[in-house]
Amino acid sequence: MTVESAPSHSRLANYVPATAVDELTSTLKHHGVRLVVTRARVSKLGDYRFPSPDHPRHTITINGDLNPYMFLLVLLHEVAHLLTFVDYGRSVRPHGAEWARHYVQLLAHYHSLGAFPTEADALLRRYTARLPLHRATGQQLERLLRSFDPDYNPQQQLTLADLPEGSLFVLRNHPHMVLRSVQRRRTRYHCVEPATGRAFLVQGAAPVIAIEG
């Protein structure tokens, strides 16, 4: 785990495209964000924690196994949560209209900086053109950005969102654990491990291998 209490320009450059580094560094420093780069997690790609008596700083965590474009996408998602909290506190829904407006503005701005690949131009324009956000377009955007993973294989890009509910599967980064999808909850799926009965929330964009049975 890597922790940056005040993310430096050089440190952030290890994770996001070069054209995004200056403004992201400035934004995170301005809000005193504690940035934590973690190991891969089953349940999420990133999260935002608002300040509290126990944790007095804005904190954003991002999975460290993401390619630079996906890291940027997830980081902007969490920065939108931060800005929404700064503007509205806890008086609005986490993924409500206020958050969506911030997210769209961030995506459009960093797109204008050339921080995303040209292959994503059409999807980004479509995704940021209207509110509410179109979930299917967002999932298409994630799939495209994942294609820049160093080990990308176009024959192995099945995601959890592609499977019908009730399917058995394993995660590509956790192939030892068999799960069954139960119910979609926005962008995540409630899943259970049949062998133990343990429950998990798994991102719909998570790469999976389907299992017969």
N, C-alpha and C. Protein backbone atom coordinates (compact mmCIF):
# COMPACT_ATOMS: atom_id res chain seq x y z
N MET A 1 0.85 -1.19 0.00
CA MET A 1 0.00 0.00 0.00
C MET A 1 0.88 1.23 0.00
N THR A 2 0.53 2.22 -0.84
CA THR A 2 1.24 3.47 -0.91
C THR A 2 0.33 4.59 -0.44
N VAL A 3 0.80 5.39 0.49
CA VAL A 3 0.01 6.49 1.03
C VAL A 3 0.69 7.80 0.68
N GLU A 4 -0.06 8.75 0.14
CA GLU A 4 0.44 10.08 -0.11
C GLU A 4 -0.42 11.07 0.65
N SER A 5 0.07 11.65 1.74
CA SER A 5 -0.74 12.59 2.51
C SER A 5 -0.98 13.87 1.71
N ALA A 6 -0.02 14.27 0.89
CA ALA A 6 -0.18 15.39 -0.03
C ALA A 6 0.48 14.95 -1.33
N PRO A 7 -0.28 14.33 -2.25
CA PRO A 7 0.30 13.69 -3.43
C PRO A 7 1.23 14.61 -4.21
N SER A 8 2.44 14.19 -4.43
CA SER A 8 3.40 14.98 -5.17
C SER A 8 3.20 14.78 -6.67
N HIS A 9 3.67 15.76 -7.43
CA HIS A 9 3.59 15.69 -8.89
C HIS A 9 4.27 14.43 -9.40
N SER A 10 5.46 14.16 -8.92
CA SER A 10 6.22 13.01 -9.42
C SER A 10 5.56 11.69 -9.04
N ARG A 11 4.96 11.64 -7.85
CA ARG A 11 4.31 10.40 -7.41
C ARG A 11 3.06 10.11 -8.23
N LEU A 12 2.24 11.14 -8.45
CA LEU A 12 1.02 10.96 -9.21
C LEU A 12 1.31 10.59 -10.66
N ALA A 13 2.46 11.05 -11.16
CA ALA A 13 2.84 10.74 -12.54
C ALA A 13 3.06 9.25 -12.76
N ASN A 14 3.24 8.48 -11.69
CA ASN A 14 3.40 7.04 -11.82
C ASN A 14 2.08 6.34 -12.12
N TYR A 15 0.96 7.04 -11.94
CA TYR A 15 -0.34 6.37 -12.01
C TYR A 15 -1.30 6.91 -13.06
N VAL A 16 -1.16 8.17 -13.47
CA VAL A 16 -2.12 8.76 -14.41
C VAL A 16 -1.39 9.30 -15.63
N PRO A 17 -2.12 9.53 -16.74
CA PRO A 17 -1.48 10.10 -17.94
C PRO A 17 -0.84 11.46 -17.64
N ALA A 18 0.23 11.75 -18.36
CA ALA A 18 1.04 12.94 -18.08
C ALA A 18 0.24 14.23 -18.15
N THR A 19 -0.70 14.34 -19.09
CA THR A 19 -1.43 15.59 -19.25
C THR A 19 -2.40 15.87 -18.11
N ALA A 20 -2.64 14.87 -17.24
CA ALA A 20 -3.56 15.06 -16.12
C ALA A 20 -2.85 15.39 -14.82
N VAL A 21 -1.54 15.25 -14.79
CA VAL A 21 -0.82 15.29 -13.52
C VAL A 21 -0.88 16.67 -12.86
N ASP A 22 -0.63 17.73 -13.60
CA ASP A 22 -0.55 19.07 -12.99
C ASP A 22 -1.84 19.44 -12.28
N GLU A 23 -2.96 19.33 -12.99
CA GLU A 23 -4.23 19.76 -12.38
C GLU A 23 -4.68 18.83 -11.26
N LEU A 24 -4.46 17.55 -11.43
CA LEU A 24 -4.83 16.63 -10.36
C LEU A 24 -4.02 16.90 -9.10
N THR A 25 -2.72 17.12 -9.26
CA THR A 25 -1.87 17.43 -8.12
C THR A 25 -2.37 18.67 -7.40
N SER A 26 -2.71 19.71 -8.17
CA SER A 26 -3.20 20.95 -7.60
C SER A 26 -4.52 20.75 -6.86
N THR A 27 -5.44 20.00 -7.47
CA THR A 27 -6.75 19.77 -6.85
C THR A 27 -6.61 19.00 -5.54
N LEU A 28 -5.84 17.93 -5.56
CA LEU A 28 -5.70 17.10 -4.37
C LEU A 28 -4.99 17.86 -3.25
N LYS A 29 -3.99 18.65 -3.60
CA LYS A 29 -3.30 19.44 -2.58
C LYS A 29 -4.20 20.54 -2.03
N HIS A 30 -4.98 21.16 -2.90
CA HIS A 30 -5.88 22.23 -2.46
C HIS A 30 -6.86 21.75 -1.39
N HIS A 31 -7.35 20.52 -1.57
CA HIS A 31 -8.33 19.98 -0.62
C HIS A 31 -7.68 19.13 0.47
N GLY A 32 -6.36 19.06 0.48
CA GLY A 32 -5.66 18.31 1.52
C GLY A 32 -6.00 16.83 1.49
N VAL A 33 -6.08 16.26 0.31
CA VAL A 33 -6.51 14.87 0.17
C VAL A 33 -5.40 13.91 0.56
N ARG A 34 -5.77 12.91 1.31
CA ARG A 34 -4.88 11.78 1.61
C ARG A 34 -5.18 10.72 0.55
N LEU A 35 -4.23 10.46 -0.35
CA LEU A 35 -4.41 9.50 -1.43
C LEU A 35 -3.75 8.19 -1.06
N VAL A 36 -4.50 7.10 -1.11
CA VAL A 36 -4.00 5.77 -0.77
C VAL A 36 -4.13 4.88 -1.99
N VAL A 37 -3.01 4.34 -2.45
CA VAL A 37 -3.01 3.38 -3.56
C VAL A 37 -2.91 1.99 -2.95
N THR A 38 -3.92 1.16 -3.19
CA THR A 38 -4.05 -0.13 -2.52
C THR A 38 -3.80 -1.29 -3.47
N ARG A 39 -3.74 -2.47 -2.90
CA ARG A 39 -3.75 -3.70 -3.70
C ARG A 39 -5.12 -3.83 -4.36
N ALA A 40 -5.24 -4.74 -5.33
CA ALA A 40 -6.52 -4.98 -6.00
C ALA A 40 -7.56 -5.45 -4.99
N ARG A 41 -8.77 -4.91 -5.09
CA ARG A 41 -9.85 -5.29 -4.20
C ARG A 41 -11.01 -5.87 -5.01
N VAL A 42 -11.68 -6.86 -4.45
CA VAL A 42 -12.79 -7.51 -5.14
C VAL A 42 -13.98 -6.59 -5.24
N SER A 43 -14.27 -5.83 -4.20
CA SER A 43 -15.54 -5.12 -4.10
C SER A 43 -15.56 -3.75 -4.77
N LYS A 44 -14.40 -3.15 -5.02
CA LYS A 44 -14.39 -1.79 -5.55
C LYS A 44 -13.06 -1.46 -6.19
N LEU A 45 -13.10 -0.43 -7.05
CA LEU A 45 -11.88 0.07 -7.68
C LEU A 45 -11.32 1.26 -6.93
N GLY A 46 -12.19 1.97 -6.21
CA GLY A 46 -11.76 3.13 -5.44
C GLY A 46 -12.87 3.55 -4.50
N ASP A 47 -12.55 4.45 -3.57
CA ASP A 47 -13.59 5.02 -2.73
C ASP A 47 -13.13 6.35 -2.16
N TYR A 48 -14.11 7.09 -1.62
CA TYR A 48 -13.86 8.39 -1.01
C TYR A 48 -14.42 8.39 0.40
N ARG A 49 -13.65 8.90 1.34
CA ARG A 49 -14.10 9.03 2.72
C ARG A 49 -14.01 10.49 3.12
N PHE A 50 -15.15 11.06 3.53
CA PHE A 50 -15.15 12.46 3.94
C PHE A 50 -14.54 12.59 5.34
N PRO A 51 -14.10 13.79 5.71
CA PRO A 51 -13.47 13.98 7.02
C PRO A 51 -14.43 13.67 8.17
N SER A 52 -13.87 13.17 9.24
CA SER A 52 -14.63 12.87 10.45
C SER A 52 -13.70 13.06 11.64
N PRO A 53 -14.23 13.03 12.87
CA PRO A 53 -13.35 13.17 14.03
C PRO A 53 -12.23 12.13 14.07
N ASP A 54 -12.53 10.90 13.62
CA ASP A 54 -11.51 9.85 13.61
C ASP A 54 -10.57 9.95 12.42
N HIS A 55 -11.07 10.51 11.32
CA HIS A 55 -10.28 10.64 10.08
C HIS A 55 -10.47 12.06 9.57
N PRO A 56 -9.67 13.01 10.05
CA PRO A 56 -9.92 14.43 9.82
C PRO A 56 -9.60 14.95 8.42
N ARG A 57 -9.21 14.08 7.49
CA ARG A 57 -8.86 14.55 6.14
C ARG A 57 -9.70 13.83 5.10
N HIS A 58 -9.91 14.50 3.97
CA HIS A 58 -10.49 13.82 2.82
C HIS A 58 -9.55 12.67 2.44
N THR A 59 -10.09 11.47 2.22
CA THR A 59 -9.27 10.32 1.86
C THR A 59 -9.84 9.64 0.63
N ILE A 60 -8.99 9.41 -0.34
CA ILE A 60 -9.37 8.67 -1.56
C ILE A 60 -8.46 7.46 -1.67
N THR A 61 -9.04 6.29 -1.91
CA THR A 61 -8.25 5.09 -2.16
C THR A 61 -8.52 4.61 -3.58
N ILE A 62 -7.48 4.15 -4.26
CA ILE A 62 -7.58 3.65 -5.63
C ILE A 62 -6.78 2.36 -5.73
N ASN A 63 -7.32 1.37 -6.42
CA ASN A 63 -6.59 0.13 -6.64
C ASN A 63 -5.35 0.38 -7.50
N GLY A 64 -4.23 -0.16 -7.05
CA GLY A 64 -2.97 0.10 -7.73
C GLY A 64 -2.70 -0.73 -8.96
N ASP A 65 -3.61 -1.67 -9.29
CA ASP A 65 -3.38 -2.53 -10.46
C ASP A 65 -4.04 -1.97 -11.72
N LEU A 66 -4.56 -0.76 -11.68
CA LEU A 66 -5.26 -0.17 -12.83
C LEU A 66 -4.27 0.48 -13.79
N ASN A 67 -4.56 0.40 -15.09
CA ASN A 67 -3.73 1.12 -16.05
C ASN A 67 -3.98 2.63 -15.90
N PRO A 68 -3.12 3.49 -16.45
CA PRO A 68 -3.24 4.94 -16.19
C PRO A 68 -4.60 5.53 -16.56
N TYR A 69 -5.21 5.08 -17.66
CA TYR A 69 -6.51 5.63 -18.04
C TYR A 69 -7.60 5.20 -17.08
N MET A 70 -7.59 3.94 -16.66
CA MET A 70 -8.57 3.48 -15.68
C MET A 70 -8.33 4.12 -14.33
N PHE A 71 -7.07 4.28 -13.94
CA PHE A 71 -6.76 4.95 -12.67
C PHE A 71 -7.33 6.36 -12.69
N LEU A 72 -7.15 7.07 -13.80
CA LEU A 72 -7.68 8.43 -13.92
C LEU A 72 -9.20 8.43 -13.84
N LEU A 73 -9.85 7.52 -14.55
CA LEU A 73 -11.31 7.45 -14.54
C LEU A 73 -11.83 7.25 -13.12
N VAL A 74 -11.25 6.30 -12.40
CA VAL A 74 -11.70 6.02 -11.03
C VAL A 74 -11.38 7.20 -10.11
N LEU A 75 -10.21 7.79 -10.27
CA LEU A 75 -9.85 8.93 -9.43
C LEU A 75 -10.81 10.10 -9.64
N LEU A 76 -11.19 10.37 -10.89
CA LEU A 76 -12.13 11.46 -11.15
C LEU A 76 -13.50 11.15 -10.55
N HIS A 77 -13.90 9.89 -10.58
CA HIS A 77 -15.15 9.47 -9.93
C HIS A 77 -15.12 9.85 -8.45
N GLU A 78 -13.99 9.57 -7.80
CA GLU A 78 -13.89 9.85 -6.37
C GLU A 78 -13.70 11.34 -6.09
N VAL A 79 -12.99 12.05 -6.95
CA VAL A 79 -12.87 13.49 -6.79
C VAL A 79 -14.24 14.16 -6.91
N ALA A 80 -15.10 13.62 -7.78
CA ALA A 80 -16.46 14.14 -7.89
C ALA A 80 -17.21 13.97 -6.57
N HIS A 81 -16.98 12.85 -5.88
CA HIS A 81 -17.58 12.67 -4.54
C HIS A 81 -17.04 13.73 -3.58
N LEU A 82 -15.74 13.98 -3.62
CA LEU A 82 -15.13 14.98 -2.75
C LEU A 82 -15.76 16.35 -2.99
N LEU A 83 -15.85 16.77 -4.25
CA LEU A 83 -16.39 18.09 -4.57
C LEU A 83 -17.86 18.20 -4.18
N THR A 84 -18.59 17.09 -4.34
CA THR A 84 -20.00 17.09 -3.94
C THR A 84 -20.13 17.27 -2.43
N PHE A 85 -19.26 16.60 -1.69
CA PHE A 85 -19.28 16.77 -0.23
C PHE A 85 -18.92 18.19 0.16
N VAL A 86 -17.91 18.77 -0.50
CA VAL A 86 -17.51 20.14 -0.20
C VAL A 86 -18.67 21.10 -0.43
N ASP A 87 -19.44 20.88 -1.51
CA ASP A 87 -20.54 21.78 -1.86
C ASP A 87 -21.80 21.55 -1.03
N TYR A 88 -22.09 20.27 -0.72
CA TYR A 88 -23.40 19.94 -0.15
C TYR A 88 -23.33 19.18 1.18
N GLY A 89 -22.15 18.81 1.63
CA GLY A 89 -22.07 17.99 2.82
C GLY A 89 -22.75 16.65 2.59
N ARG A 90 -23.48 16.17 3.59
CA ARG A 90 -24.14 14.86 3.49
C ARG A 90 -25.62 14.99 3.16
N SER A 91 -26.01 16.14 2.61
CA SER A 91 -27.43 16.40 2.37
C SER A 91 -27.94 15.86 1.05
N VAL A 92 -27.06 15.28 0.20
CA VAL A 92 -27.49 14.76 -1.09
C VAL A 92 -27.08 13.29 -1.22
N ARG A 93 -27.70 12.60 -2.17
CA ARG A 93 -27.40 11.18 -2.38
C ARG A 93 -25.99 11.02 -2.96
N PRO A 94 -25.30 9.91 -2.60
CA PRO A 94 -23.91 9.74 -3.04
C PRO A 94 -23.73 9.79 -4.56
N HIS A 95 -24.66 9.21 -5.32
CA HIS A 95 -24.57 9.22 -6.78
C HIS A 95 -25.76 9.96 -7.40
N GLY A 96 -26.18 11.02 -6.73
CA GLY A 96 -27.29 11.80 -7.22
C GLY A 96 -26.88 12.79 -8.30
N ALA A 97 -27.79 13.69 -8.63
CA ALA A 97 -27.56 14.64 -9.72
C ALA A 97 -26.38 15.56 -9.44
N GLU A 98 -26.18 15.92 -8.17
CA GLU A 98 -25.07 16.82 -7.83
C GLU A 98 -23.73 16.16 -8.11
N TRP A 99 -23.59 14.88 -7.70
CA TRP A 99 -22.35 14.15 -7.99
C TRP A 99 -22.17 13.98 -9.50
N ALA A 100 -23.24 13.63 -10.20
CA ALA A 100 -23.15 13.38 -11.65
C ALA A 100 -22.68 14.63 -12.39
N ARG A 101 -23.16 15.80 -11.98
CA ARG A 101 -22.73 17.04 -12.64
C ARG A 101 -21.24 17.26 -12.45
N HIS A 102 -20.75 17.05 -11.24
CA HIS A 102 -19.31 17.20 -11.01
C HIS A 102 -18.52 16.19 -11.84
N TYR A 103 -18.99 14.95 -11.88
CA TYR A 103 -18.27 13.90 -12.61
C TYR A 103 -18.21 14.21 -14.11
N VAL A 104 -19.33 14.62 -14.67
CA VAL A 104 -19.37 14.96 -16.09
C VAL A 104 -18.43 16.12 -16.40
N GLN A 105 -18.44 17.13 -15.54
CA GLN A 105 -17.55 18.28 -15.76
C GLN A 105 -16.09 17.87 -15.70
N LEU A 106 -15.74 17.01 -14.74
CA LEU A 106 -14.36 16.54 -14.63
C LEU A 106 -13.95 15.72 -15.85
N LEU A 107 -14.81 14.78 -16.26
CA LEU A 107 -14.50 13.96 -17.43
C LEU A 107 -14.31 14.82 -18.67
N ALA A 108 -15.23 15.76 -18.89
CA ALA A 108 -15.14 16.62 -20.06
C ALA A 108 -13.87 17.47 -20.03
N HIS A 109 -13.53 17.97 -18.85
CA HIS A 109 -12.34 18.81 -18.74
C HIS A 109 -11.06 18.02 -19.01
N TYR A 110 -10.93 16.85 -18.38
CA TYR A 110 -9.71 16.08 -18.59
C TYR A 110 -9.65 15.48 -19.98
N HIS A 111 -10.80 15.25 -20.58
CA HIS A 111 -10.84 14.84 -21.99
C HIS A 111 -10.28 15.97 -22.85
N SER A 112 -10.66 17.22 -22.55
CA SER A 112 -10.17 18.36 -23.32
C SER A 112 -8.65 18.55 -23.17
N LEU A 113 -8.10 18.06 -22.06
CA LEU A 113 -6.65 18.14 -21.84
C LEU A 113 -5.88 17.05 -22.59
N GLY A 114 -6.61 16.12 -23.19
CA GLY A 114 -5.97 15.00 -23.88
C GLY A 114 -5.52 13.90 -22.95
N ALA A 115 -6.16 13.80 -21.77
CA ALA A 115 -5.74 12.81 -20.78
C ALA A 115 -6.30 11.43 -21.05
N PHE A 116 -7.27 11.33 -21.95
CA PHE A 116 -7.82 10.02 -22.33
C PHE A 116 -7.42 9.70 -23.76
N PRO A 117 -7.36 8.42 -24.12
CA PRO A 117 -6.94 8.04 -25.48
C PRO A 117 -7.96 8.50 -26.52
N THR A 118 -7.49 8.76 -27.73
CA THR A 118 -8.40 9.21 -28.80
C THR A 118 -9.45 8.15 -29.11
N GLU A 119 -9.14 6.88 -28.84
CA GLU A 119 -10.12 5.82 -29.08
C GLU A 119 -11.38 6.00 -28.23
N ALA A 120 -11.27 6.76 -27.14
CA ALA A 120 -12.40 6.96 -26.24
C ALA A 120 -13.18 8.24 -26.54
N ASP A 121 -12.78 8.99 -27.57
CA ASP A 121 -13.40 10.29 -27.84
C ASP A 121 -14.92 10.19 -28.00
N ALA A 122 -15.37 9.30 -28.86
CA ALA A 122 -16.81 9.22 -29.13
C ALA A 122 -17.60 8.82 -27.88
N LEU A 123 -17.09 7.84 -27.14
CA LEU A 123 -17.78 7.40 -25.93
C LEU A 123 -17.81 8.50 -24.88
N LEU A 124 -16.71 9.21 -24.71
CA LEU A 124 -16.67 10.28 -23.72
C LEU A 124 -17.62 11.41 -24.09
N ARG A 125 -17.69 11.76 -25.36
CA ARG A 125 -18.62 12.81 -25.78
C ARG A 125 -20.05 12.38 -25.52
N ARG A 126 -20.36 11.12 -25.82
CA ARG A 126 -21.72 10.62 -25.60
C ARG A 126 -22.04 10.54 -24.11
N TYR A 127 -21.08 10.09 -23.33
CA TYR A 127 -21.31 9.88 -21.90
C TYR A 127 -21.50 11.21 -21.16
N THR A 128 -20.80 12.25 -21.60
CA THR A 128 -20.85 13.54 -20.89
C THR A 128 -21.86 14.51 -21.51
N ALA A 129 -22.62 14.07 -22.50
CA ALA A 129 -23.52 14.97 -23.23
C ALA A 129 -24.84 15.21 -22.51
N ARG A 130 -25.19 14.30 -21.57
CA ARG A 130 -26.51 14.43 -20.97
C ARG A 130 -26.52 13.85 -19.56
N LEU A 131 -27.49 14.31 -18.79
CA LEU A 131 -27.78 13.76 -17.48
C LEU A 131 -29.24 13.33 -17.46
N PRO A 132 -29.58 12.24 -16.74
CA PRO A 132 -28.69 11.42 -15.92
C PRO A 132 -27.70 10.63 -16.77
N LEU A 133 -26.63 10.18 -16.15
CA LEU A 133 -25.62 9.40 -16.84
C LEU A 133 -26.21 8.10 -17.37
N HIS A 134 -25.73 7.68 -18.53
CA HIS A 134 -26.20 6.45 -19.15
C HIS A 134 -25.28 5.31 -18.73
N ARG A 135 -25.81 4.41 -17.91
CA ARG A 135 -24.98 3.36 -17.30
C ARG A 135 -24.29 2.49 -18.35
N ALA A 136 -25.01 2.10 -19.39
CA ALA A 136 -24.42 1.22 -20.41
C ALA A 136 -23.24 1.89 -21.11
N THR A 137 -23.35 3.18 -21.38
CA THR A 137 -22.24 3.91 -22.00
C THR A 137 -21.05 3.96 -21.07
N GLY A 138 -21.31 4.17 -19.78
CA GLY A 138 -20.22 4.15 -18.80
C GLY A 138 -19.52 2.81 -18.76
N GLN A 139 -20.28 1.73 -18.85
CA GLN A 139 -19.67 0.40 -18.85
C GLN A 139 -18.85 0.17 -20.12
N GLN A 140 -19.35 0.67 -21.25
CA GLN A 140 -18.58 0.58 -22.50
C GLN A 140 -17.27 1.34 -22.37
N LEU A 141 -17.32 2.51 -21.74
CA LEU A 141 -16.11 3.31 -21.56
C LEU A 141 -15.09 2.56 -20.71
N GLU A 142 -15.56 1.94 -19.62
CA GLU A 142 -14.65 1.17 -18.77
C GLU A 142 -14.02 0.02 -19.55
N ARG A 143 -14.82 -0.68 -20.35
CA ARG A 143 -14.28 -1.80 -21.12
C ARG A 143 -13.20 -1.32 -22.08
N LEU A 144 -13.46 -0.20 -22.74
CA LEU A 144 -12.48 0.31 -23.69
C LEU A 144 -11.19 0.68 -22.98
N LEU A 145 -11.30 1.38 -21.84
CA LEU A 145 -10.09 1.79 -21.13
C LEU A 145 -9.33 0.59 -20.57
N ARG A 146 -10.05 -0.46 -20.21
CA ARG A 146 -9.37 -1.67 -19.74
C ARG A 146 -8.57 -2.34 -20.86
N SER A 147 -8.92 -2.05 -22.11
CA SER A 147 -8.18 -2.66 -23.21
C SER A 147 -6.74 -2.16 -23.28
N PHE A 148 -6.41 -1.14 -22.50
CA PHE A 148 -5.04 -0.64 -22.44
C PHE A 148 -4.23 -1.32 -21.33
N ASP A 149 -4.82 -2.32 -20.66
CA ASP A 149 -4.05 -3.11 -19.70
C ASP A 149 -2.91 -3.81 -20.42
N PRO A 150 -1.74 -3.91 -19.80
CA PRO A 150 -0.60 -4.57 -20.46
C PRO A 150 -0.89 -6.00 -20.87
N ASP A 151 -1.70 -6.72 -20.10
CA ASP A 151 -1.98 -8.12 -20.41
C ASP A 151 -3.34 -8.30 -21.07
N TYR A 152 -3.84 -7.24 -21.72
CA TYR A 152 -5.17 -7.30 -22.34
C TYR A 152 -5.24 -8.38 -23.40
N ASN A 153 -6.30 -9.16 -23.32
CA ASN A 153 -6.58 -10.19 -24.32
C ASN A 153 -8.03 -10.04 -24.74
N PRO A 154 -8.30 -9.63 -25.98
CA PRO A 154 -9.69 -9.37 -26.40
C PRO A 154 -10.59 -10.59 -26.30
N GLN A 155 -10.00 -11.78 -26.23
CA GLN A 155 -10.81 -12.99 -26.11
C GLN A 155 -11.18 -13.29 -24.66
N GLN A 156 -10.67 -12.50 -23.74
CA GLN A 156 -10.89 -12.78 -22.32
C GLN A 156 -11.43 -11.56 -21.58
N GLN A 157 -12.35 -10.84 -22.23
CA GLN A 157 -12.84 -9.61 -21.62
C GLN A 157 -14.28 -9.69 -21.16
N LEU A 158 -14.74 -10.88 -20.81
CA LEU A 158 -16.05 -11.03 -20.21
C LEU A 158 -16.06 -10.36 -18.85
N THR A 159 -17.09 -9.56 -18.56
CA THR A 159 -17.22 -8.91 -17.26
C THR A 159 -18.43 -9.46 -16.53
N LEU A 160 -18.51 -9.19 -15.24
CA LEU A 160 -19.63 -9.68 -14.45
C LEU A 160 -20.95 -9.15 -15.00
N ALA A 161 -20.97 -7.91 -15.49
CA ALA A 161 -22.20 -7.33 -16.03
C ALA A 161 -22.70 -8.07 -17.27
N ASP A 162 -21.82 -8.83 -17.93
CA ASP A 162 -22.23 -9.59 -19.11
C ASP A 162 -22.97 -10.87 -18.76
N LEU A 163 -22.86 -11.31 -17.52
CA LEU A 163 -23.46 -12.59 -17.11
C LEU A 163 -24.87 -12.39 -16.58
N PRO A 164 -25.76 -13.35 -16.82
CA PRO A 164 -27.09 -13.27 -16.21
C PRO A 164 -27.00 -13.51 -14.71
N GLU A 165 -27.93 -12.94 -13.97
CA GLU A 165 -27.96 -13.16 -12.53
C GLU A 165 -28.11 -14.65 -12.25
N GLY A 166 -27.40 -15.11 -11.22
CA GLY A 166 -27.40 -16.53 -10.88
C GLY A 166 -26.23 -17.29 -11.45
N SER A 167 -25.38 -16.61 -12.24
CA SER A 167 -24.25 -17.28 -12.87
C SER A 167 -23.13 -17.56 -11.87
N LEU A 168 -22.44 -18.68 -12.10
CA LEU A 168 -21.22 -18.98 -11.37
C LEU A 168 -20.03 -18.42 -12.14
N PHE A 169 -19.04 -17.90 -11.40
CA PHE A 169 -17.89 -17.31 -12.06
C PHE A 169 -16.71 -17.22 -11.09
N VAL A 170 -15.54 -16.97 -11.64
CA VAL A 170 -14.39 -16.58 -10.84
C VAL A 170 -13.86 -15.27 -11.39
N LEU A 171 -13.31 -14.44 -10.51
CA LEU A 171 -12.67 -13.20 -10.93
C LEU A 171 -11.29 -13.51 -11.49
N ARG A 172 -10.91 -12.81 -12.55
CA ARG A 172 -9.61 -13.10 -13.16
C ARG A 172 -8.45 -12.81 -12.22
N ASN A 173 -8.62 -11.83 -11.31
CA ASN A 173 -7.52 -11.55 -10.38
C ASN A 173 -7.68 -12.30 -9.06
N HIS A 174 -8.76 -13.13 -8.93
CA HIS A 174 -8.94 -13.99 -7.76
C HIS A 174 -9.50 -15.35 -8.23
N PRO A 175 -8.76 -16.07 -9.06
CA PRO A 175 -9.31 -17.29 -9.69
C PRO A 175 -9.54 -18.45 -8.73
N HIS A 176 -9.09 -18.32 -7.49
CA HIS A 176 -9.24 -19.41 -6.53
C HIS A 176 -10.62 -19.42 -5.87
N MET A 177 -11.43 -18.37 -6.07
CA MET A 177 -12.69 -18.24 -5.34
C MET A 177 -13.87 -18.25 -6.31
N VAL A 178 -14.72 -19.27 -6.21
CA VAL A 178 -15.92 -19.36 -7.05
C VAL A 178 -17.05 -18.57 -6.40
N LEU A 179 -17.71 -17.73 -7.19
CA LEU A 179 -18.81 -16.90 -6.71
C LEU A 179 -20.04 -17.10 -7.58
N ARG A 180 -21.20 -16.77 -7.02
CA ARG A 180 -22.45 -16.75 -7.78
C ARG A 180 -23.06 -15.35 -7.66
N SER A 181 -23.43 -14.77 -8.81
CA SER A 181 -24.09 -13.46 -8.77
C SER A 181 -25.53 -13.64 -8.32
N VAL A 182 -26.00 -12.70 -7.51
CA VAL A 182 -27.35 -12.80 -6.96
C VAL A 182 -28.23 -11.66 -7.46
N GLN A 183 -27.75 -10.43 -7.32
CA GLN A 183 -28.59 -9.28 -7.67
C GLN A 183 -27.73 -8.07 -7.98
N ARG A 184 -28.12 -7.33 -9.01
CA ARG A 184 -27.40 -6.10 -9.34
C ARG A 184 -27.85 -4.98 -8.41
N ARG A 185 -26.86 -4.20 -7.92
CA ARG A 185 -27.12 -3.02 -7.11
C ARG A 185 -26.36 -1.86 -7.72
N ARG A 186 -27.01 -1.13 -8.59
CA ARG A 186 -26.38 -0.06 -9.36
C ARG A 186 -25.20 -0.62 -10.15
N THR A 187 -23.98 -0.19 -9.86
CA THR A 187 -22.82 -0.64 -10.63
C THR A 187 -22.17 -1.89 -10.04
N ARG A 188 -22.65 -2.34 -8.88
CA ARG A 188 -22.09 -3.53 -8.25
C ARG A 188 -23.12 -4.65 -8.19
N TYR A 189 -22.63 -5.85 -7.94
CA TYR A 189 -23.49 -7.02 -7.85
C TYR A 189 -23.32 -7.69 -6.49
N HIS A 190 -24.44 -8.01 -5.89
CA HIS A 190 -24.42 -8.81 -4.67
C HIS A 190 -24.11 -10.25 -5.09
N CYS A 191 -23.04 -10.82 -4.56
CA CYS A 191 -22.61 -12.17 -4.91
C CYS A 191 -22.38 -12.97 -3.64
N VAL A 192 -22.44 -14.27 -3.77
CA VAL A 192 -22.13 -15.15 -2.64
C VAL A 192 -21.13 -16.20 -3.07
N GLU A 193 -20.36 -16.67 -2.10
CA GLU A 193 -19.45 -17.79 -2.31
C GLU A 193 -20.19 -19.05 -1.86
N PRO A 194 -20.64 -19.91 -2.80
CA PRO A 194 -21.44 -21.08 -2.41
C PRO A 194 -20.78 -21.97 -1.37
N ALA A 195 -19.46 -22.08 -1.41
CA ALA A 195 -18.76 -22.98 -0.50
C ALA A 195 -18.84 -22.54 0.95
N THR A 196 -18.96 -21.22 1.17
CA THR A 196 -18.93 -20.70 2.54
C THR A 196 -20.15 -19.88 2.92
N GLY A 197 -20.91 -19.43 1.92
CA GLY A 197 -22.05 -18.57 2.19
C GLY A 197 -21.68 -17.11 2.39
N ARG A 198 -20.40 -16.78 2.27
CA ARG A 198 -19.97 -15.39 2.45
C ARG A 198 -20.50 -14.53 1.31
N ALA A 199 -20.86 -13.29 1.64
CA ALA A 199 -21.41 -12.36 0.66
C ALA A 199 -20.37 -11.31 0.27
N PHE A 200 -20.43 -10.87 -0.99
CA PHE A 200 -19.51 -9.86 -1.51
C PHE A 200 -20.27 -8.92 -2.41
N LEU A 201 -19.77 -7.68 -2.52
CA LEU A 201 -20.22 -6.75 -3.54
C LEU A 201 -19.09 -6.65 -4.57
N VAL A 202 -19.41 -6.94 -5.83
CA VAL A 202 -18.39 -7.00 -6.88
C VAL A 202 -18.78 -6.03 -7.99
N GLN A 203 -17.81 -5.27 -8.47
CA GLN A 203 -18.05 -4.33 -9.56
C GLN A 203 -18.53 -5.05 -10.81
N GLY A 204 -19.54 -4.48 -11.47
CA GLY A 204 -20.03 -5.07 -12.72
C GLY A 204 -18.98 -5.10 -13.81
N ALA A 205 -18.01 -4.19 -13.75
CA ALA A 205 -16.95 -4.14 -14.77
C ALA A 205 -15.81 -5.10 -14.49
N ALA A 206 -15.89 -5.86 -13.39
CA ALA A 206 -14.79 -6.77 -13.05
C ALA A 206 -14.65 -7.88 -14.09
N PRO A 207 -13.44 -8.13 -14.61
CA PRO A 207 -13.22 -9.21 -15.56
C PRO A 207 -13.43 -10.58 -14.89
N VAL A 208 -14.19 -11.46 -15.54
CA VAL A 208 -14.53 -12.75 -14.94
C VAL A 208 -14.37 -13.89 -15.92
N ILE A 209 -14.38 -15.10 -15.40
CA ILE A 209 -14.44 -16.32 -16.20
C ILE A 209 -15.70 -17.05 -15.76
N ALA A 210 -16.61 -17.30 -16.69
CA ALA A 210 -17.85 -17.98 -16.36
C ALA A 210 -17.58 -19.46 -16.14
N ILE A 211 -18.37 -20.04 -15.22
CA ILE A 211 -18.25 -21.47 -14.89
C ILE A 211 -19.59 -22.14 -15.14
N GLU A 212 -19.56 -23.25 -15.81
CA GLU A 212 -20.79 -24.02 -16.05
C GLU A 212 -21.24 -24.68 -14.76
N GLY A 213 -22.56 -24.73 -14.54
CA GLY A 213 -23.06 -25.45 -13.40
C GLY A 213 -24.14 -24.70 -12.65
